[in-house]
Amino acid sequence: MTMSNSSLLRAKAIQAVKDSDWKSAILINQEILEQSPKNLEAMNRLGLAYLKLKKEKEAKKIFKNVLKLDRSNIIANKHIRKIKNKEKTPDVIFNHNADFIEEPGKSKIISLHRLTSRSQLDKLKIGQECYLQIKNRYISIVDDKKKHIGALPEDISFRLSKLISDGNQYSCVIYKIDDKQCCVQLKEAFRSAKNQQLQSFPSKKINNQFNLGEDIILEKDIPLGIVSTDEDDENQNEGLETVMKKIESSNS
């Protein structure tokens, strides 16, 4: 299979998944596997297509074949578990950013707060790219149409707001969706020169051990010039300003 043909088939396979055209997805991924039998990405897409067409026996066989080649494959392991537990399988988008591997200090899987409606969550797909939008007292995670999905916890919002204002950039993909929660994977895509000594997602154990004093560096110049994009609930959370007052009190 030539590089151009391989890329074209992959693009068609991904588009079939995005369009929920599961019959086409099966045919296209089978064609890819005929020419590249160990293509794990195509195998996972094929397994998903079988699942969506309620062909669990075929899907299970495909995912088990993936695990024979890669025992730690996250997508295959998740689908095998869901089949076993008879859980509903949300749609998945396969892209290079959705590796779901946590790199210490640079990436983190986070459960969102302030979730959007159930109907809106049902439209999301695992692996779907989303974006960070800084608001008054938290960071909102939004889809490509800038619709709110959920919010990062206050402590992470506080830290990333400062890092972003100093030049850092982050990618974000949907990691997990179920009836109780929505989780995203945040990954540091770029670290600015000003933040070279600062981890985006530091280990509390490391901070306590070495007493890095990062909080002092990050707290300087807060509150930020954050753009207000909606009217926050005044009494729902303490917010970043209250956190800062507490910090100032404890340092005085």
Protein backbone atom coordinates (compact mmCIF):
# COMPACT_ATOMS: atom_id res chain seq x y z
CA MET A 1 0.00 0.00 0.00
CA THR A 2 1.56 3.29 -1.08
CA MET A 3 1.80 6.20 1.35
CA SER A 4 -0.76 8.26 -0.60
CA ASN A 5 -3.22 5.36 -0.79
CA SER A 6 -2.69 4.59 2.90
CA SER A 7 -3.35 8.19 3.88
CA LEU A 8 -6.43 8.37 1.69
CA LEU A 9 -7.92 5.17 3.14
CA ARG A 10 -7.18 6.33 6.68
CA ALA A 11 -8.89 9.66 6.01
CA LYS A 12 -11.93 7.87 4.58
CA ALA A 13 -12.03 5.50 7.56
CA ILE A 14 -11.92 8.36 10.05
CA GLN A 15 -14.60 10.27 8.15
CA ALA A 16 -16.86 7.19 8.14
CA VAL A 17 -16.55 7.05 11.94
CA LYS A 18 -17.27 10.78 12.25
CA ASP A 19 -20.34 10.33 10.05
CA SER A 20 -21.41 7.23 12.00
CA ASP A 21 -21.43 5.39 8.67
CA TRP A 22 -20.58 2.06 10.28
CA LYS A 23 -21.09 -0.16 7.24
CA SER A 24 -18.64 1.91 5.22
CA ALA A 25 -16.28 1.97 8.20
CA ILE A 26 -16.20 -1.83 8.21
CA LEU A 27 -15.44 -2.07 4.50
CA ILE A 28 -12.76 0.63 4.51
CA ASN A 29 -10.95 -0.66 7.59
CA GLN A 30 -11.08 -4.21 6.28
CA GLU A 31 -9.39 -2.94 3.12
CA ILE A 32 -6.69 -1.27 5.21
CA LEU A 33 -6.13 -4.47 7.19
CA GLU A 34 -5.87 -6.57 4.05
CA GLN A 35 -2.81 -4.53 3.15
CA SER A 36 -1.58 -3.80 6.68
CA PRO A 37 -2.78 -6.64 8.99
CA LYS A 38 -1.21 -5.20 12.16
CA ASN A 39 -2.65 -1.70 11.85
CA LEU A 40 -3.99 -1.27 15.40
CA GLU A 41 -5.77 1.97 14.60
CA ALA A 42 -7.75 0.32 11.79
CA MET A 43 -8.47 -2.70 13.99
CA ASN A 44 -9.91 -0.51 16.74
CA ARG A 45 -12.05 1.37 14.23
CA LEU A 46 -13.29 -1.92 12.83
CA GLY A 47 -14.13 -3.22 16.30
CA LEU A 48 -16.04 -0.04 17.08
CA ALA A 49 -18.00 -0.29 13.83
CA TYR A 50 -19.05 -3.84 14.69
CA LEU A 51 -20.08 -2.68 18.16
CA LYS A 52 -22.22 0.14 16.78
CA LEU A 53 -23.97 -2.35 14.51
CA LYS A 54 -24.59 -4.56 17.57
CA LYS A 55 -22.24 -7.28 16.32
CA GLU A 56 -20.60 -7.79 19.69
CA LYS A 57 -19.12 -11.21 18.89
CA GLU A 58 -17.19 -9.83 15.90
CA ALA A 59 -16.18 -6.72 17.85
CA LYS A 60 -14.86 -8.74 20.77
CA LYS A 61 -12.78 -10.88 18.43
CA ILE A 62 -11.22 -7.79 16.84
CA PHE A 63 -10.38 -6.14 20.18
CA LYS A 64 -8.83 -9.38 21.46
CA ASN A 65 -6.65 -9.45 18.35
CA VAL A 66 -5.54 -5.90 19.15
CA LEU A 67 -4.56 -6.97 22.66
CA LYS A 68 -2.53 -9.88 21.29
CA LEU A 69 -0.39 -7.26 19.54
CA ASP A 70 -0.55 -4.63 22.27
CA ARG A 71 -1.67 -5.83 25.69
CA SER A 72 -1.81 -2.29 27.08
CA ASN A 73 -3.89 -0.82 24.25
CA ILE A 74 -6.24 1.53 26.08
CA ILE A 75 -9.03 1.65 23.49
CA ALA A 76 -9.25 -2.12 23.05
CA ASN A 77 -9.14 -2.76 26.80
CA LYS A 78 -11.93 -0.25 27.38
CA HIS A 79 -14.18 -1.79 24.76
CA ILE A 80 -13.58 -5.31 26.03
CA ARG A 81 -14.56 -4.15 29.50
CA LYS A 82 -17.65 -2.36 28.20
CA ILE A 83 -18.75 -5.45 26.27
CA LYS A 84 -18.31 -7.56 29.39
CA ASN A 85 -20.29 -5.10 31.52
CA LYS A 86 -22.86 -4.50 28.77
CA GLU A 87 -22.21 -0.77 28.85
CA LYS A 88 -23.26 1.64 26.15
CA THR A 89 -20.36 2.54 23.85
CA PRO A 90 -20.04 6.24 23.04
CA ASP A 91 -18.73 7.26 19.64
CA VAL A 92 -14.97 7.57 19.30
CA ILE A 93 -12.85 9.83 17.15
CA PHE A 94 -9.40 8.45 16.43
CA ASN A 95 -6.82 11.20 16.25
CA HIS A 96 -3.12 11.53 17.06
CA ASN A 97 -3.77 13.74 20.11
CA ALA A 98 -5.95 11.13 21.80
CA ASP A 99 -3.23 8.78 23.00
CA PHE A 100 -4.54 8.98 26.59
CA ILE A 101 -1.04 8.45 27.98
CA GLU A 102 -0.31 10.59 31.02
CA GLU A 103 3.16 12.13 30.91
CA PRO A 104 4.14 13.27 34.43
CA GLY A 105 4.04 17.03 34.71
CA LYS A 106 2.87 17.55 31.12
CA SER A 107 -0.54 15.88 30.87
CA LYS A 108 -3.42 14.98 33.11
CA ILE A 109 -6.84 13.37 32.91
CA ILE A 110 -9.40 15.55 34.70
CA SER A 111 -13.05 15.14 35.63
CA LEU A 112 -15.03 18.25 34.68
CA HIS A 113 -17.34 20.25 36.94
CA ARG A 114 -20.32 22.45 35.92
CA LEU A 115 -21.33 19.97 33.22
CA THR A 116 -23.60 20.90 30.34
CA SER A 117 -26.92 19.15 29.72
CA ARG A 118 -27.20 15.39 29.33
CA SER A 119 -28.41 15.82 25.75
CA GLN A 120 -25.36 17.90 24.89
CA LEU A 121 -22.98 15.40 26.53
CA ASP A 122 -24.53 12.59 24.50
CA LYS A 123 -23.32 14.31 21.33
CA LEU A 124 -19.67 14.17 22.39
CA LYS A 125 -17.24 11.52 21.20
CA ILE A 126 -14.23 10.03 22.92
CA GLY A 127 -11.11 11.50 21.34
CA GLN A 128 -12.99 14.64 20.24
CA GLU A 129 -10.86 17.77 20.39
CA CYS A 130 -12.05 20.54 22.68
CA TYR A 131 -10.66 23.86 23.82
CA LEU A 132 -9.88 25.92 26.91
CA GLN A 133 -11.75 29.19 27.39
CA ILE A 134 -10.75 31.36 30.36
CA LYS A 135 -13.65 32.92 32.22
CA ASN A 136 -13.98 35.02 35.35
CA ARG A 137 -13.27 32.38 37.96
CA TYR A 138 -12.63 29.16 36.10
CA ILE A 139 -11.62 27.67 32.74
CA SER A 140 -14.46 26.38 30.60
CA ILE A 141 -13.93 23.45 28.25
CA VAL A 142 -15.81 24.09 24.99
CA ASP A 143 -16.38 22.23 21.71
CA ASP A 144 -15.46 23.46 18.23
CA LYS A 145 -18.61 25.59 18.20
CA LYS A 146 -17.58 27.20 21.51
CA LYS A 147 -20.41 25.47 23.38
CA HIS A 148 -19.69 24.85 27.04
CA ILE A 149 -19.00 21.23 27.99
CA GLY A 150 -17.80 21.58 31.56
CA ALA A 151 -15.32 23.44 33.76
CA LEU A 152 -11.90 22.55 35.11
CA PRO A 153 -11.65 22.33 38.92
CA GLU A 154 -10.83 25.64 40.55
CA ASP A 155 -7.25 24.82 41.56
CA ILE A 156 -6.33 23.64 38.05
CA SER A 157 -8.14 26.60 36.47
CA PHE A 158 -6.14 28.94 38.69
CA ARG A 159 -2.79 27.40 37.78
CA LEU A 160 -3.37 27.00 34.04
CA SER A 161 -4.80 30.53 33.71
CA LYS A 162 -1.51 31.94 34.87
CA LEU A 163 0.58 29.57 32.75
CA ILE A 164 -1.51 30.36 29.66
CA SER A 165 -1.18 34.10 30.29
CA ASP A 166 2.60 33.57 30.33
CA GLY A 167 2.60 31.78 26.98
CA ASN A 168 1.82 28.08 27.54
CA GLN A 169 -0.50 26.25 25.12
CA TYR A 170 -2.61 23.12 25.78
CA SER A 171 -4.46 20.50 23.79
CA CYS A 172 -7.62 18.90 25.13
CA VAL A 173 -9.56 15.77 24.12
CA ILE A 174 -12.57 13.96 25.54
CA TYR A 175 -11.31 10.96 27.54
CA LYS A 176 -14.47 9.49 29.08
CA ILE A 177 -18.21 10.10 29.03
CA ASP A 178 -20.84 8.29 31.04
CA ASP A 179 -24.02 9.02 32.98
CA LYS A 180 -22.07 10.46 35.92
CA GLN A 181 -19.10 12.32 34.54
CA CYS A 182 -17.15 13.73 31.63
CA CYS A 183 -13.35 13.53 31.73
CA VAL A 184 -10.83 15.22 29.46
CA GLN A 185 -7.13 14.75 28.87
CA LEU A 186 -5.18 18.00 29.02
CA LYS A 187 -1.73 17.99 27.49
CA GLU A 188 0.94 20.67 27.47
CA ALA A 189 1.48 21.41 23.78
CA PHE A 190 3.95 24.26 24.28
CA ARG A 191 5.86 25.58 27.29
CA SER A 192 6.95 29.20 27.08
CA ALA A 193 10.43 30.41 28.04
CA LYS A 194 8.94 32.16 31.06
CA ASN A 195 7.48 28.88 32.32
CA GLN A 196 10.50 26.64 31.63
CA GLN A 197 10.95 25.75 35.30
CA LEU A 198 7.23 25.21 35.96
CA GLN A 199 5.38 21.95 35.41
CA SER A 200 1.80 22.27 34.19
CA PHE A 201 0.60 19.43 36.40
CA PRO A 202 3.10 19.06 39.25
CA SER A 203 3.11 16.12 41.61
CA LYS A 204 2.11 17.23 45.10
CA LYS A 205 4.63 14.76 46.46
CA ILE A 206 7.43 16.36 44.47
CA ASN A 207 6.38 19.87 45.47
CA ASN A 208 6.27 18.96 49.15
CA GLN A 209 9.62 17.17 48.99
CA PHE A 210 11.59 19.92 47.32
CA ASN A 211 9.57 22.95 48.45
CA LEU A 212 9.72 24.47 44.99
CA GLY A 213 7.66 27.50 45.88
CA GLU A 214 5.92 27.45 42.50
CA ASP A 215 2.71 28.78 43.97
CA ILE A 216 4.43 32.00 44.92
CA ILE A 217 5.67 32.44 41.35
CA LEU A 218 2.27 31.68 39.88
CA GLU A 219 0.32 33.81 42.33
CA LYS A 220 2.27 36.93 41.43
CA ASP A 221 0.30 39.28 39.18
CA ILE A 222 -3.03 37.48 39.80
CA PRO A 223 -5.87 38.30 39.27
CA LEU A 224 -5.27 38.03 35.53
CA GLY A 225 -6.77 40.08 32.79
CA ILE A 226 -9.32 37.37 32.18
CA VAL A 227 -12.07 38.06 29.68
CA SER A 228 -15.56 37.51 31.03
CA THR A 229 -17.58 35.45 28.58
CA ASP A 230 -20.58 34.72 30.71
CA GLU A 231 -22.27 35.66 33.98
CA ASP A 232 -20.91 33.36 36.67
CA ASP A 233 -23.11 32.30 39.55
CA GLU A 234 -22.03 34.71 42.27
CA ASN A 235 -22.58 32.35 45.18
CA GLN A 236 -21.86 29.01 43.60
CA ASN A 237 -18.08 28.97 44.06
CA GLU A 238 -15.55 31.08 45.92
CA GLY A 239 -13.65 31.73 42.70
CA LEU A 240 -10.09 32.74 41.99
CA GLU A 241 -10.31 36.05 43.81
CA THR A 242 -11.36 34.37 47.05
CA VAL A 243 -8.55 31.84 46.68
CA MET A 244 -6.10 34.70 46.35
CA LYS A 245 -7.43 36.40 49.46
CA LYS A 246 -6.95 33.18 51.41
CA ILE A 247 -3.38 32.85 50.12
CA GLU A 248 -2.58 36.45 51.00
CA SER A 249 -4.00 35.97 54.49
CA SER A 250 -1.97 32.83 55.07
CA ASN A 251 1.22 34.57 53.94
CA SER A 252 0.70 37.65 56.06
